[in-house]
Every structure is written in C-alpha cells, then in structure tokens.
Amino acid sequence: MQKIRKHPILLGLAIVVAFIVISPIVLWSIVNHPRPVGTPSAEADILAKKLQDNVNIAAWEKTRTVRFTSMGARSYVWDRNADQVTVTANDTVVTFSPSKEEASTNDALIAWKVDIFWFNPIATLFDAGVKRSIIKQPDGRDALFVEYPDGDGTLWHFDDALMPVSWQIWSKLTPVGGLRAGWGDYVTLATGAIVSSKHATFMYNFEFTNIAGSF
C-alpha cells in the first residue's frame, strides 16, 4: 500500500494552529499562580517594618505634597494637609477629597485609588485590617504576603538588602492570579522618601513620571 505523504504546507499549518490553541494555555499556566496561604506573625511584622524603613516611610509620612503622572495619562497633585487631590487628564481638571469620598463612584476617585496604591503601596502595610505573613520561597528566601480587608493580596520579593524587586498581585481587578510586576527605577523625593517609578509585567509597564514631593 502506498503511504500518504503529508504536504509540508498542510503540516506547517497544523503546527501553527496547534501553537495558537496551546500557547495561551501554556502561557496561562506560567503566569497564573495559586494564592498563598499564610499565617500572620510577629516575624512578618518585623519584615514589613524593615521594608518600610528601607524606603524611608518616616519621610513619606512627613511629605505633605505629592505630585506624579500615571501612565502618561493622569497627573496628580495631592495636598495631604488639605486632604485634596487635583487630577488633570485630557485637559479636564477634577478636584476631590479622597477621605471624604471613600465610597464614591466618581471615575477620578476610582482611578486615584488604583494609581496611588501602585505608586506607594508600602505605606499601606500597617493599615487597619491588613494582615502580614511570611511565605517561604523555593530558593529559601522569605517573601512577605500582605492581605487586605477587601480580599486583595500582594506577595513581596526582595533582594539581599531587603529592597523590593517585584511583587505578585491577587486582585478582583486582574484576571491573572499572582500577576508579577517588577519593582525598580527608584526615585528619592526631596523629603527623602523613596518610591518606585516603574513596574514591568509581561503585559504592560506601569510607569510614573514627573514625581515630586515636598514638606
């Protein structure tokens, strides 16, 4: 019986189709991670305190005015003494009080909550209701798992000096569990507080520019 030879073009198409079908599944298995289960501990609190010390959280608390632009789209001026945020986006200027409008559905306030969290989440490690635990990593290092009252969680990874190099996020706002983002391009404000200006993920870069702070 004569063998049926597979045409190289058809074989190539079959490989391409298989790759298109399989690659998203493989990619998902690589980037999606199960949520850690941690136990709050004093050791985790000590690690969180060291993290805050390394970015000079004391100076951040004394920083009264904060300025930054998020993703080149929204520019903020946060007057912490006046409890007032002014955001400029697409030639539109909106001013609001972040603490008084906590439950508001205002689009500017919603964007602010996301942007300020990415700008300096280290300032929230000891907010009311936040839990901290240590998750041992495969390489033996300790990672800090932070759980928030709304159910979101972040897992912090450090270098030898205990400066953040990346974090992973479990949030209802992101479809990927444990989305990993780099933590680098540090900027020191005039007040001495240190913030990260760039967080790179496999999908996009979360960047901040025009960063400034004053007493």
N, C-alpha and C. Protein backbone atom coordinates (compact mmCIF):
# COMPACT_ATOMS: atom_id res chain seq x y z
N MET A 1 0.86 -1.18 0.00
CA MET A 1 0.00 0.00 0.00
C MET A 1 0.90 1.24 0.00
N GLN A 2 0.51 2.23 -0.81
CA GLN A 2 1.32 3.44 -0.89
C GLN A 2 1.02 4.34 0.29
N LYS A 3 2.09 4.84 0.90
CA LYS A 3 1.92 5.76 2.02
C LYS A 3 1.41 7.10 1.53
N ILE A 4 0.53 7.72 2.33
CA ILE A 4 0.05 9.05 2.01
C ILE A 4 1.00 10.06 2.62
N ARG A 5 1.61 10.85 1.77
CA ARG A 5 2.57 11.83 2.25
C ARG A 5 1.84 13.11 2.66
N LYS A 6 2.25 13.62 3.80
CA LYS A 6 1.66 14.86 4.29
C LYS A 6 2.35 16.04 3.62
N HIS A 7 1.54 16.90 3.05
CA HIS A 7 2.10 18.05 2.37
C HIS A 7 2.75 18.97 3.40
N PRO A 8 3.97 19.47 3.14
CA PRO A 8 4.67 20.31 4.12
C PRO A 8 3.90 21.57 4.49
N ILE A 9 3.14 22.14 3.55
CA ILE A 9 2.36 23.35 3.88
C ILE A 9 1.26 23.02 4.86
N LEU A 10 0.55 21.88 4.58
CA LEU A 10 -0.51 21.47 5.48
C LEU A 10 0.04 21.12 6.85
N LEU A 11 1.21 20.47 6.85
CA LEU A 11 1.85 20.12 8.12
C LEU A 11 2.22 21.39 8.89
N GLY A 12 2.74 22.38 8.16
CA GLY A 12 3.10 23.64 8.80
C GLY A 12 1.89 24.35 9.37
N LEU A 13 0.79 24.35 8.61
CA LEU A 13 -0.44 24.97 9.11
C LEU A 13 -0.94 24.27 10.36
N ALA A 14 -0.83 22.95 10.36
CA ALA A 14 -1.27 22.19 11.53
C ALA A 14 -0.47 22.56 12.76
N ILE A 15 0.83 22.76 12.57
CA ILE A 15 1.70 23.14 13.69
C ILE A 15 1.33 24.53 14.19
N VAL A 16 1.08 25.46 13.24
CA VAL A 16 0.71 26.83 13.63
C VAL A 16 -0.60 26.83 14.40
N VAL A 17 -1.60 26.09 13.88
CA VAL A 17 -2.90 26.02 14.56
C VAL A 17 -2.74 25.44 15.96
N ALA A 18 -1.94 24.38 16.07
CA ALA A 18 -1.72 23.77 17.38
C ALA A 18 -1.06 24.75 18.33
N PHE A 19 -0.11 25.53 17.80
CA PHE A 19 0.58 26.51 18.64
C PHE A 19 -0.39 27.59 19.13
N ILE A 20 -1.27 28.05 18.20
CA ILE A 20 -2.24 29.09 18.57
C ILE A 20 -3.18 28.59 19.66
N VAL A 21 -3.57 27.33 19.54
CA VAL A 21 -4.51 26.75 20.51
C VAL A 21 -3.82 26.48 21.84
N ILE A 22 -2.61 25.95 21.79
CA ILE A 22 -1.93 25.51 23.00
C ILE A 22 -1.22 26.64 23.73
N SER A 23 -0.64 27.61 22.98
CA SER A 23 0.19 28.63 23.61
C SER A 23 -0.53 29.44 24.68
N PRO A 24 -1.81 29.85 24.49
CA PRO A 24 -2.48 30.56 25.57
C PRO A 24 -2.61 29.72 26.84
N ILE A 25 -2.81 28.41 26.65
CA ILE A 25 -2.93 27.52 27.80
C ILE A 25 -1.60 27.43 28.53
N VAL A 26 -0.52 27.29 27.75
CA VAL A 26 0.82 27.22 28.35
C VAL A 26 1.15 28.54 29.04
N LEU A 27 0.86 29.65 28.36
CA LEU A 27 1.14 30.97 28.92
C LEU A 27 0.38 31.17 30.22
N TRP A 28 -0.89 30.77 30.22
CA TRP A 28 -1.71 30.92 31.43
C TRP A 28 -1.13 30.11 32.58
N SER A 29 -0.65 28.92 32.28
CA SER A 29 -0.08 28.07 33.34
C SER A 29 1.20 28.66 33.90
N ILE A 30 1.89 29.47 33.08
CA ILE A 30 3.14 30.08 33.52
C ILE A 30 2.90 31.31 34.37
N VAL A 31 1.95 32.17 33.95
CA VAL A 31 1.76 33.46 34.62
C VAL A 31 0.73 33.40 35.74
N ASN A 32 -0.15 32.42 35.72
CA ASN A 32 -1.19 32.33 36.75
C ASN A 32 -0.70 31.48 37.92
N HIS A 33 -0.82 32.01 39.12
CA HIS A 33 -0.29 31.32 40.30
C HIS A 33 -1.36 31.22 41.38
N PRO A 34 -1.38 30.11 42.12
CA PRO A 34 -2.33 29.99 43.21
C PRO A 34 -2.02 30.99 44.32
N ARG A 35 -3.03 31.43 45.00
CA ARG A 35 -2.87 32.40 46.08
C ARG A 35 -2.22 31.72 47.28
N PRO A 36 -1.19 32.33 47.86
CA PRO A 36 -0.55 31.73 49.04
C PRO A 36 -1.49 31.72 50.25
N VAL A 37 -1.23 30.83 51.15
CA VAL A 37 -1.95 30.79 52.41
C VAL A 37 -0.93 31.03 53.51
N GLY A 38 -1.07 32.14 54.20
CA GLY A 38 -0.10 32.49 55.22
C GLY A 38 -0.72 32.62 56.60
N THR A 39 0.13 32.63 57.60
CA THR A 39 -0.30 32.83 58.98
C THR A 39 0.34 34.11 59.51
N PRO A 40 -0.45 35.10 59.88
CA PRO A 40 0.12 36.34 60.41
C PRO A 40 1.05 36.06 61.58
N SER A 41 2.17 36.78 61.61
CA SER A 41 3.17 36.52 62.66
C SER A 41 3.94 37.78 62.98
N ALA A 42 4.59 37.74 64.14
CA ALA A 42 5.45 38.86 64.54
C ALA A 42 6.65 38.98 63.61
N GLU A 43 7.14 37.84 63.12
CA GLU A 43 8.28 37.85 62.19
C GLU A 43 7.90 38.59 60.90
N ALA A 44 6.66 38.40 60.44
CA ALA A 44 6.21 39.09 59.24
C ALA A 44 6.11 40.59 59.49
N ASP A 45 5.67 40.97 60.68
CA ASP A 45 5.60 42.38 61.02
C ASP A 45 6.99 43.02 61.02
N ILE A 46 7.97 42.29 61.51
CA ILE A 46 9.35 42.79 61.52
C ILE A 46 9.86 42.99 60.10
N LEU A 47 9.56 42.02 59.22
CA LEU A 47 9.97 42.13 57.81
C LEU A 47 9.29 43.32 57.15
N ALA A 48 8.01 43.52 57.44
CA ALA A 48 7.28 44.65 56.86
C ALA A 48 7.85 45.98 57.35
N LYS A 49 8.23 46.02 58.62
CA LYS A 49 8.83 47.24 59.18
C LYS A 49 10.17 47.54 58.50
N LYS A 50 10.97 46.49 58.26
CA LYS A 50 12.25 46.68 57.58
C LYS A 50 12.03 47.22 56.17
N LEU A 51 11.02 46.68 55.50
CA LEU A 51 10.69 47.15 54.16
C LEU A 51 10.34 48.63 54.19
N GLN A 52 9.52 49.02 55.14
CA GLN A 52 9.15 50.43 55.25
C GLN A 52 10.35 51.31 55.60
N ASP A 53 11.20 50.81 56.47
CA ASP A 53 12.40 51.58 56.83
C ASP A 53 13.29 51.80 55.61
N ASN A 54 13.41 50.79 54.76
CA ASN A 54 14.30 50.87 53.60
C ASN A 54 13.84 51.88 52.55
N VAL A 55 12.54 52.21 52.56
CA VAL A 55 12.04 53.24 51.64
C VAL A 55 11.75 54.53 52.39
N ASN A 56 12.24 54.60 53.63
CA ASN A 56 12.12 55.82 54.45
C ASN A 56 10.66 56.23 54.63
N ILE A 57 9.87 55.32 55.22
CA ILE A 57 8.45 55.61 55.41
C ILE A 57 8.23 56.81 56.33
N ALA A 58 9.18 57.05 57.23
CA ALA A 58 9.06 58.20 58.12
C ALA A 58 9.06 59.50 57.32
N ALA A 59 9.90 59.55 56.29
CA ALA A 59 9.95 60.73 55.43
C ALA A 59 8.67 60.85 54.61
N TRP A 60 8.14 59.70 54.17
CA TRP A 60 6.87 59.72 53.42
C TRP A 60 5.76 60.31 54.27
N GLU A 61 5.70 59.94 55.54
CA GLU A 61 4.65 60.46 56.42
C GLU A 61 4.76 61.96 56.61
N LYS A 62 5.96 62.50 56.44
CA LYS A 62 6.17 63.95 56.58
C LYS A 62 6.02 64.69 55.26
N THR A 63 5.86 63.94 54.17
CA THR A 63 5.69 64.56 52.85
C THR A 63 4.26 65.06 52.74
N ARG A 64 4.12 66.37 52.64
CA ARG A 64 2.78 66.96 52.66
C ARG A 64 2.17 67.09 51.25
N THR A 65 3.02 67.34 50.24
CA THR A 65 2.51 67.49 48.88
C THR A 65 3.20 66.47 47.97
N VAL A 66 2.41 65.71 47.24
CA VAL A 66 2.92 64.67 46.35
C VAL A 66 2.42 64.95 44.94
N ARG A 67 3.34 64.86 43.97
CA ARG A 67 2.98 65.06 42.57
C ARG A 67 3.49 63.87 41.75
N PHE A 68 2.69 63.39 40.82
CA PHE A 68 3.14 62.36 39.88
C PHE A 68 2.16 62.23 38.73
N THR A 69 2.65 61.69 37.63
CA THR A 69 1.81 61.39 36.48
C THR A 69 1.79 59.89 36.28
N SER A 70 0.61 59.33 36.13
CA SER A 70 0.45 57.88 35.98
C SER A 70 0.22 57.52 34.52
N MET A 71 1.09 56.64 34.00
CA MET A 71 0.95 56.11 32.64
C MET A 71 0.86 57.20 31.58
N GLY A 72 1.41 58.37 31.88
CA GLY A 72 1.38 59.48 30.93
C GLY A 72 -0.01 60.03 30.68
N ALA A 73 -0.99 59.60 31.49
CA ALA A 73 -2.39 59.96 31.21
C ALA A 73 -3.02 60.83 32.28
N ARG A 74 -2.66 60.60 33.55
CA ARG A 74 -3.30 61.33 34.65
C ARG A 74 -2.22 61.95 35.53
N SER A 75 -2.31 63.27 35.71
CA SER A 75 -1.34 63.98 36.55
C SER A 75 -2.01 64.40 37.85
N TYR A 76 -1.35 64.07 38.97
CA TYR A 76 -1.92 64.32 40.28
C TYR A 76 -1.12 65.33 41.08
N VAL A 77 -1.84 66.11 41.87
CA VAL A 77 -1.26 66.91 42.94
C VAL A 77 -2.06 66.58 44.20
N TRP A 78 -1.39 65.98 45.17
CA TRP A 78 -2.06 65.55 46.40
C TRP A 78 -1.57 66.43 47.55
N ASP A 79 -2.48 67.27 48.04
CA ASP A 79 -2.20 68.10 49.21
C ASP A 79 -2.71 67.35 50.43
N ARG A 80 -1.81 66.71 51.14
CA ARG A 80 -2.24 65.84 52.23
C ARG A 80 -2.75 66.64 53.42
N ASN A 81 -2.23 67.84 53.63
CA ASN A 81 -2.73 68.68 54.73
C ASN A 81 -4.17 69.09 54.50
N ALA A 82 -4.48 69.43 53.26
CA ALA A 82 -5.83 69.87 52.92
C ALA A 82 -6.76 68.70 52.57
N ASP A 83 -6.21 67.48 52.53
CA ASP A 83 -6.97 66.31 52.12
C ASP A 83 -7.62 66.56 50.76
N GLN A 84 -6.79 66.97 49.81
CA GLN A 84 -7.31 67.34 48.50
C GLN A 84 -6.42 66.79 47.39
N VAL A 85 -7.05 66.19 46.39
CA VAL A 85 -6.35 65.69 45.22
C VAL A 85 -6.87 66.42 44.00
N THR A 86 -5.95 66.92 43.18
CA THR A 86 -6.31 67.53 41.90
C THR A 86 -5.72 66.67 40.80
N VAL A 87 -6.57 66.20 39.91
CA VAL A 87 -6.12 65.33 38.81
C VAL A 87 -6.43 66.00 37.49
N THR A 88 -5.45 65.99 36.61
CA THR A 88 -5.61 66.54 35.26
C THR A 88 -5.48 65.42 34.25
N ALA A 89 -6.50 65.26 33.41
CA ALA A 89 -6.49 64.20 32.39
C ALA A 89 -7.28 64.68 31.19
N ASN A 90 -6.66 64.61 30.02
CA ASN A 90 -7.33 65.03 28.78
C ASN A 90 -7.89 66.45 28.89
N ASP A 91 -7.09 67.35 29.45
CA ASP A 91 -7.46 68.77 29.59
C ASP A 91 -8.64 68.98 30.55
N THR A 92 -8.98 67.94 31.28
CA THR A 92 -10.03 68.07 32.29
C THR A 92 -9.40 68.05 33.68
N VAL A 93 -9.82 68.98 34.52
CA VAL A 93 -9.27 69.07 35.87
C VAL A 93 -10.38 68.78 36.88
N VAL A 94 -10.10 67.83 37.77
CA VAL A 94 -11.07 67.44 38.80
C VAL A 94 -10.38 67.52 40.16
N THR A 95 -11.08 68.07 41.14
CA THR A 95 -10.56 68.15 42.50
C THR A 95 -11.52 67.44 43.44
N PHE A 96 -10.98 66.64 44.34
CA PHE A 96 -11.82 65.92 45.29
C PHE A 96 -11.05 65.65 46.58
N SER A 97 -11.80 65.27 47.61
CA SER A 97 -11.22 64.90 48.89
C SER A 97 -11.22 63.38 48.99
N PRO A 98 -10.07 62.72 48.96
CA PRO A 98 -10.05 61.25 48.93
C PRO A 98 -10.64 60.60 50.17
N SER A 99 -10.49 61.20 51.33
CA SER A 99 -11.01 60.57 52.54
C SER A 99 -12.52 60.77 52.69
N LYS A 100 -13.03 61.90 52.23
CA LYS A 100 -14.46 62.19 52.38
C LYS A 100 -15.29 61.51 51.30
N GLU A 101 -14.65 61.07 50.21
CA GLU A 101 -15.38 60.45 49.11
C GLU A 101 -14.99 58.98 48.96
N GLU A 102 -14.71 58.35 50.08
CA GLU A 102 -14.22 56.96 50.06
C GLU A 102 -15.17 56.03 49.34
N ALA A 103 -16.47 56.24 49.49
CA ALA A 103 -17.44 55.32 48.89
C ALA A 103 -17.97 55.83 47.55
N SER A 104 -17.40 56.91 47.04
CA SER A 104 -17.89 57.50 45.80
C SER A 104 -17.58 56.62 44.60
N THR A 105 -18.42 56.73 43.57
CA THR A 105 -18.17 56.02 42.31
C THR A 105 -17.57 56.97 41.27
N ASN A 106 -17.15 58.15 41.73
CA ASN A 106 -16.52 59.12 40.86
C ASN A 106 -15.36 58.47 40.10
N ASP A 107 -15.35 58.61 38.78
CA ASP A 107 -14.31 57.97 37.96
C ASP A 107 -12.91 58.44 38.36
N ALA A 108 -12.78 59.73 38.64
CA ALA A 108 -11.47 60.26 39.02
C ALA A 108 -11.00 59.65 40.33
N LEU A 109 -11.92 59.46 41.26
CA LEU A 109 -11.55 58.87 42.55
C LEU A 109 -11.17 57.40 42.39
N ILE A 110 -11.90 56.68 41.54
CA ILE A 110 -11.59 55.26 41.30
C ILE A 110 -10.19 55.14 40.70
N ALA A 111 -9.87 55.98 39.71
CA ALA A 111 -8.54 55.96 39.10
C ALA A 111 -7.48 56.31 40.13
N TRP A 112 -7.78 57.27 40.99
CA TRP A 112 -6.84 57.69 42.03
C TRP A 112 -6.51 56.54 42.98
N LYS A 113 -7.51 55.79 43.38
CA LYS A 113 -7.29 54.68 44.32
C LYS A 113 -6.33 53.65 43.72
N VAL A 114 -6.50 53.37 42.44
CA VAL A 114 -5.61 52.42 41.77
C VAL A 114 -4.21 53.00 41.64
N ASP A 115 -4.13 54.24 41.18
CA ASP A 115 -2.83 54.85 40.92
C ASP A 115 -2.02 55.07 42.19
N ILE A 116 -2.65 55.56 43.25
CA ILE A 116 -1.89 55.83 44.48
C ILE A 116 -1.46 54.52 45.13
N PHE A 117 -2.25 53.47 44.96
CA PHE A 117 -1.85 52.18 45.52
C PHE A 117 -0.60 51.66 44.82
N TRP A 118 -0.56 51.76 43.49
CA TRP A 118 0.62 51.32 42.76
C TRP A 118 1.80 52.26 43.01
N PHE A 119 1.53 53.51 43.28
CA PHE A 119 2.59 54.49 43.49
C PHE A 119 3.34 54.22 44.80
N ASN A 120 2.60 53.94 45.87
CA ASN A 120 3.28 53.65 47.14
C ASN A 120 2.45 52.73 48.04
N PRO A 121 2.32 51.47 47.66
CA PRO A 121 1.56 50.53 48.50
C PRO A 121 2.27 50.20 49.81
N ILE A 122 3.58 50.46 49.86
CA ILE A 122 4.33 50.15 51.08
C ILE A 122 3.80 50.96 52.26
N ALA A 123 3.21 52.10 51.97
CA ALA A 123 2.64 52.94 53.03
C ALA A 123 1.39 52.32 53.65
N THR A 124 0.83 51.29 53.00
CA THR A 124 -0.43 50.70 53.48
C THR A 124 -0.22 49.40 54.27
N LEU A 125 1.02 48.99 54.48
CA LEU A 125 1.27 47.67 55.07
C LEU A 125 0.69 47.50 56.47
N PHE A 126 0.54 48.61 57.19
CA PHE A 126 0.02 48.52 58.55
C PHE A 126 -1.31 49.26 58.68
N ASP A 127 -2.03 49.39 57.58
CA ASP A 127 -3.37 49.97 57.65
C ASP A 127 -4.29 49.04 58.43
N ALA A 128 -5.39 49.58 58.91
CA ALA A 128 -6.35 48.80 59.69
C ALA A 128 -6.84 47.59 58.90
N GLY A 129 -6.83 46.43 59.54
CA GLY A 129 -7.34 45.22 58.93
C GLY A 129 -6.39 44.48 58.02
N VAL A 130 -5.19 45.03 57.79
CA VAL A 130 -4.21 44.39 56.91
C VAL A 130 -3.47 43.29 57.68
N LYS A 131 -3.31 42.13 57.04
CA LYS A 131 -2.61 41.01 57.66
C LYS A 131 -1.30 40.75 56.93
N ARG A 132 -0.26 40.37 57.69
CA ARG A 132 1.06 40.15 57.12
C ARG A 132 1.57 38.77 57.54
N SER A 133 2.11 38.05 56.57
CA SER A 133 2.66 36.72 56.86
C SER A 133 3.88 36.47 55.97
N ILE A 134 4.69 35.51 56.36
CA ILE A 134 5.89 35.16 55.59
C ILE A 134 5.63 33.89 54.81
N ILE A 135 5.96 33.93 53.53
CA ILE A 135 5.83 32.77 52.65
C ILE A 135 7.23 32.37 52.20
N LYS A 136 7.66 31.18 52.57
CA LYS A 136 8.98 30.69 52.18
C LYS A 136 8.99 30.36 50.68
N GLN A 137 9.99 30.87 49.98
CA GLN A 137 10.10 30.66 48.54
C GLN A 137 10.99 29.44 48.22
N PRO A 138 10.87 28.89 47.00
CA PRO A 138 11.67 27.71 46.63
C PRO A 138 13.18 27.91 46.79
N ASP A 139 13.65 29.17 46.65
CA ASP A 139 15.09 29.42 46.80
C ASP A 139 15.49 29.66 48.25
N GLY A 140 14.53 29.50 49.17
CA GLY A 140 14.83 29.65 50.58
C GLY A 140 14.61 31.05 51.12
N ARG A 141 14.36 32.01 50.24
CA ARG A 141 14.14 33.38 50.68
C ARG A 141 12.75 33.54 51.29
N ASP A 142 12.63 34.56 52.14
CA ASP A 142 11.33 34.91 52.70
C ASP A 142 10.66 35.95 51.81
N ALA A 143 9.38 35.75 51.51
CA ALA A 143 8.58 36.74 50.81
C ALA A 143 7.49 37.19 51.78
N LEU A 144 7.08 38.43 51.66
CA LEU A 144 6.08 39.00 52.55
C LEU A 144 4.72 38.99 51.86
N PHE A 145 3.77 38.26 52.44
CA PHE A 145 2.41 38.21 51.90
C PHE A 145 1.53 39.17 52.70
N VAL A 146 0.89 40.09 51.97
CA VAL A 146 0.05 41.12 52.59
C VAL A 146 -1.38 40.93 52.12
N GLU A 147 -2.29 40.78 53.06
CA GLU A 147 -3.70 40.58 52.73
C GLU A 147 -4.51 41.78 53.21
N TYR A 148 -5.34 42.30 52.30
CA TYR A 148 -6.14 43.48 52.59
C TYR A 148 -7.58 43.11 52.92
N PRO A 149 -8.28 43.98 53.66
CA PRO A 149 -9.66 43.66 54.06
C PRO A 149 -10.61 43.40 52.89
N ASP A 150 -10.32 43.97 51.71
CA ASP A 150 -11.21 43.76 50.56
C ASP A 150 -10.95 42.44 49.84
N GLY A 151 -9.98 41.65 50.35
CA GLY A 151 -9.68 40.35 49.76
C GLY A 151 -8.47 40.33 48.84
N ASP A 152 -7.96 41.50 48.47
CA ASP A 152 -6.77 41.55 47.62
C ASP A 152 -5.54 41.12 48.42
N GLY A 153 -4.53 40.63 47.70
CA GLY A 153 -3.30 40.21 48.36
C GLY A 153 -2.09 40.51 47.49
N THR A 154 -0.96 40.81 48.13
CA THR A 154 0.29 41.05 47.41
C THR A 154 1.41 40.25 48.07
N LEU A 155 2.28 39.71 47.24
CA LEU A 155 3.43 38.95 47.73
C LEU A 155 4.70 39.67 47.29
N TRP A 156 5.46 40.16 48.26
CA TRP A 156 6.65 40.96 48.00
C TRP A 156 7.91 40.10 47.97
N HIS A 157 8.74 40.33 46.93
CA HIS A 157 10.02 39.65 46.79
C HIS A 157 11.15 40.69 46.92
N PHE A 158 12.25 40.31 47.58
CA PHE A 158 13.30 41.26 47.92
C PHE A 158 14.66 40.83 47.40
N ASP A 159 15.58 41.82 47.36
CA ASP A 159 16.98 41.49 47.12
C ASP A 159 17.66 41.29 48.48
N ASP A 160 18.98 41.13 48.47
CA ASP A 160 19.69 40.85 49.71
C ASP A 160 19.63 42.01 50.70
N ALA A 161 19.39 43.21 50.18
CA ALA A 161 19.31 44.39 51.05
C ALA A 161 17.88 44.66 51.51
N LEU A 162 16.98 43.72 51.19
CA LEU A 162 15.56 43.84 51.54
C LEU A 162 14.89 45.03 50.87
N MET A 163 15.35 45.33 49.65
CA MET A 163 14.62 46.28 48.81
C MET A 163 13.75 45.47 47.85
N PRO A 164 12.53 45.90 47.62
CA PRO A 164 11.64 45.14 46.74
C PRO A 164 12.18 45.07 45.31
N VAL A 165 12.13 43.87 44.73
CA VAL A 165 12.49 43.69 43.32
C VAL A 165 11.27 43.36 42.48
N SER A 166 10.22 42.84 43.14
CA SER A 166 8.98 42.56 42.43
C SER A 166 7.90 42.25 43.46
N TRP A 167 6.67 42.24 42.96
CA TRP A 167 5.56 41.75 43.79
C TRP A 167 4.60 40.98 42.89
N GLN A 168 3.77 40.16 43.52
CA GLN A 168 2.71 39.45 42.83
C GLN A 168 1.38 39.89 43.43
N ILE A 169 0.37 39.95 42.57
CA ILE A 169 -0.91 40.51 42.98
C ILE A 169 -2.04 39.53 42.74
N TRP A 170 -2.87 39.39 43.75
CA TRP A 170 -4.13 38.65 43.61
C TRP A 170 -5.23 39.66 43.88
N SER A 171 -6.00 39.98 42.84
CA SER A 171 -7.00 41.04 42.96
C SER A 171 -8.17 40.74 42.05
N LYS A 172 -9.33 41.21 42.47
CA LYS A 172 -10.52 41.07 41.62
C LYS A 172 -10.42 41.91 40.36
N LEU A 173 -9.47 42.85 40.33
CA LEU A 173 -9.31 43.71 39.17
C LEU A 173 -8.40 43.10 38.10
N THR A 174 -7.68 42.04 38.46
CA THR A 174 -6.77 41.41 37.50
C THR A 174 -7.18 39.95 37.30
N PRO A 175 -7.37 39.51 36.05
CA PRO A 175 -7.80 38.14 35.79
C PRO A 175 -6.72 37.11 36.07
N VAL A 176 -5.47 37.54 36.10
CA VAL A 176 -4.35 36.63 36.32
C VAL A 176 -4.03 36.58 37.81
N GLY A 177 -4.08 35.41 38.39
CA GLY A 177 -3.73 35.27 39.80
C GLY A 177 -2.22 35.30 39.99
N GLY A 178 -1.75 36.16 40.89
CA GLY A 178 -0.32 36.24 41.13
C GLY A 178 0.43 36.95 40.03
N LEU A 179 -0.26 37.91 39.36
CA LEU A 179 0.40 38.70 38.33
C LEU A 179 1.67 39.33 38.92
N ARG A 180 2.80 39.10 38.26
CA ARG A 180 4.08 39.57 38.78
C ARG A 180 4.49 40.86 38.08
N ALA A 181 4.91 41.83 38.89
CA ALA A 181 5.36 43.11 38.36
C ALA A 181 6.69 43.47 39.01
N GLY A 182 7.60 43.96 38.18
CA GLY A 182 8.89 44.38 38.70
C GLY A 182 8.76 45.61 39.58
N TRP A 183 9.78 45.81 40.38
CA TRP A 183 9.78 46.95 41.30
C TRP A 183 11.17 47.57 41.23
N GLY A 184 11.27 48.70 40.55
CA GLY A 184 12.59 49.29 40.36
C GLY A 184 12.52 50.72 39.91
N ASP A 185 13.64 51.22 39.34
CA ASP A 185 13.75 52.62 38.94
C ASP A 185 13.31 53.53 40.09
N TYR A 186 14.00 53.37 41.21
CA TYR A 186 13.62 54.11 42.41
C TYR A 186 13.92 55.60 42.28
N VAL A 187 13.03 56.39 42.86
CA VAL A 187 13.18 57.85 42.88
C VAL A 187 13.11 58.31 44.33
N THR A 188 14.05 59.16 44.72
CA THR A 188 14.05 59.72 46.07
C THR A 188 13.47 61.13 46.02
N LEU A 189 12.40 61.36 46.76
CA LEU A 189 11.77 62.67 46.80
C LEU A 189 12.65 63.65 47.57
N ALA A 190 12.35 64.92 47.46
CA ALA A 190 13.11 65.94 48.18
C ALA A 190 13.00 65.76 49.68
N THR A 191 11.97 65.07 50.12
CA THR A 191 11.77 64.83 51.55
C THR A 191 12.56 63.63 52.05
N GLY A 192 13.12 62.84 51.11
CA GLY A 192 13.87 61.64 51.48
C GLY A 192 13.10 60.36 51.30
N ALA A 193 11.81 60.43 51.05
CA ALA A 193 11.01 59.23 50.81
C ALA A 193 11.39 58.61 49.46
N ILE A 194 11.33 57.28 49.39
CA ILE A 194 11.74 56.56 48.18
C ILE A 194 10.54 55.83 47.59
N VAL A 195 10.32 56.02 46.29
CA VAL A 195 9.23 55.33 45.60
C VAL A 195 9.77 54.70 44.32
N SER A 196 9.06 53.70 43.83
CA SER A 196 9.42 53.05 42.57
C SER A 196 8.64 53.69 41.44
N SER A 197 9.32 53.96 40.32
CA SER A 197 8.66 54.65 39.21
C SER A 197 8.25 53.72 38.08
N LYS A 198 8.64 52.44 38.15
CA LYS A 198 8.33 51.54 37.03
C LYS A 198 8.05 50.13 37.53
N HIS A 199 6.94 49.58 37.05
CA HIS A 199 6.55 48.21 37.40
C HIS A 199 6.24 47.48 36.10
N ALA A 200 7.16 46.61 35.69
CA ALA A 200 7.01 45.92 34.41
C ALA A 200 6.36 44.56 34.62
N THR A 201 5.31 44.27 33.85
CA THR A 201 4.68 42.96 33.83
C THR A 201 4.86 42.37 32.44
N PHE A 202 4.41 41.13 32.24
CA PHE A 202 4.54 40.51 30.93
C PHE A 202 3.58 41.14 29.93
N MET A 203 2.60 41.92 30.42
CA MET A 203 1.60 42.52 29.54
C MET A 203 1.87 44.00 29.28
N TYR A 204 2.32 44.72 30.30
CA TYR A 204 2.47 46.16 30.15
C TYR A 204 3.40 46.68 31.24
N ASN A 205 3.80 47.95 31.08
CA ASN A 205 4.60 48.63 32.09
C ASN A 205 3.74 49.68 32.79
N PHE A 206 3.73 49.63 34.10
CA PHE A 206 3.02 50.62 34.90
C PHE A 206 4.07 51.65 35.30
N GLU A 207 4.03 52.86 34.70
CA GLU A 207 5.09 53.84 34.91
C GLU A 207 4.57 55.14 35.49
N PHE A 208 5.41 55.75 36.32
CA PHE A 208 5.12 57.06 36.90
C PHE A 208 6.22 58.03 36.50
N THR A 209 5.82 59.23 36.13
CA THR A 209 6.77 60.28 35.76
C THR A 209 6.42 61.56 36.51
N ASN A 210 7.26 62.57 36.33
CA ASN A 210 7.02 63.88 36.97
C ASN A 210 6.82 63.74 38.48
N ILE A 211 7.61 62.87 39.08
CA ILE A 211 7.47 62.56 40.50
C ILE A 211 8.14 63.65 41.35
N ALA A 212 7.42 64.14 42.35
CA ALA A 212 7.98 65.14 43.26
C ALA A 212 7.25 65.08 44.59
N GLY A 213 7.92 65.53 45.62
CA GLY A 213 7.30 65.59 46.94
C GLY A 213 7.96 66.68 47.75
N SER A 214 7.21 67.32 48.63
CA SER A 214 7.76 68.40 49.44
C SER A 214 7.10 68.39 50.82
N PHE A 215 7.77 69.06 51.75
CA PHE A 215 7.25 69.14 53.13
C PHE A 215 6.11 70.14 53.20
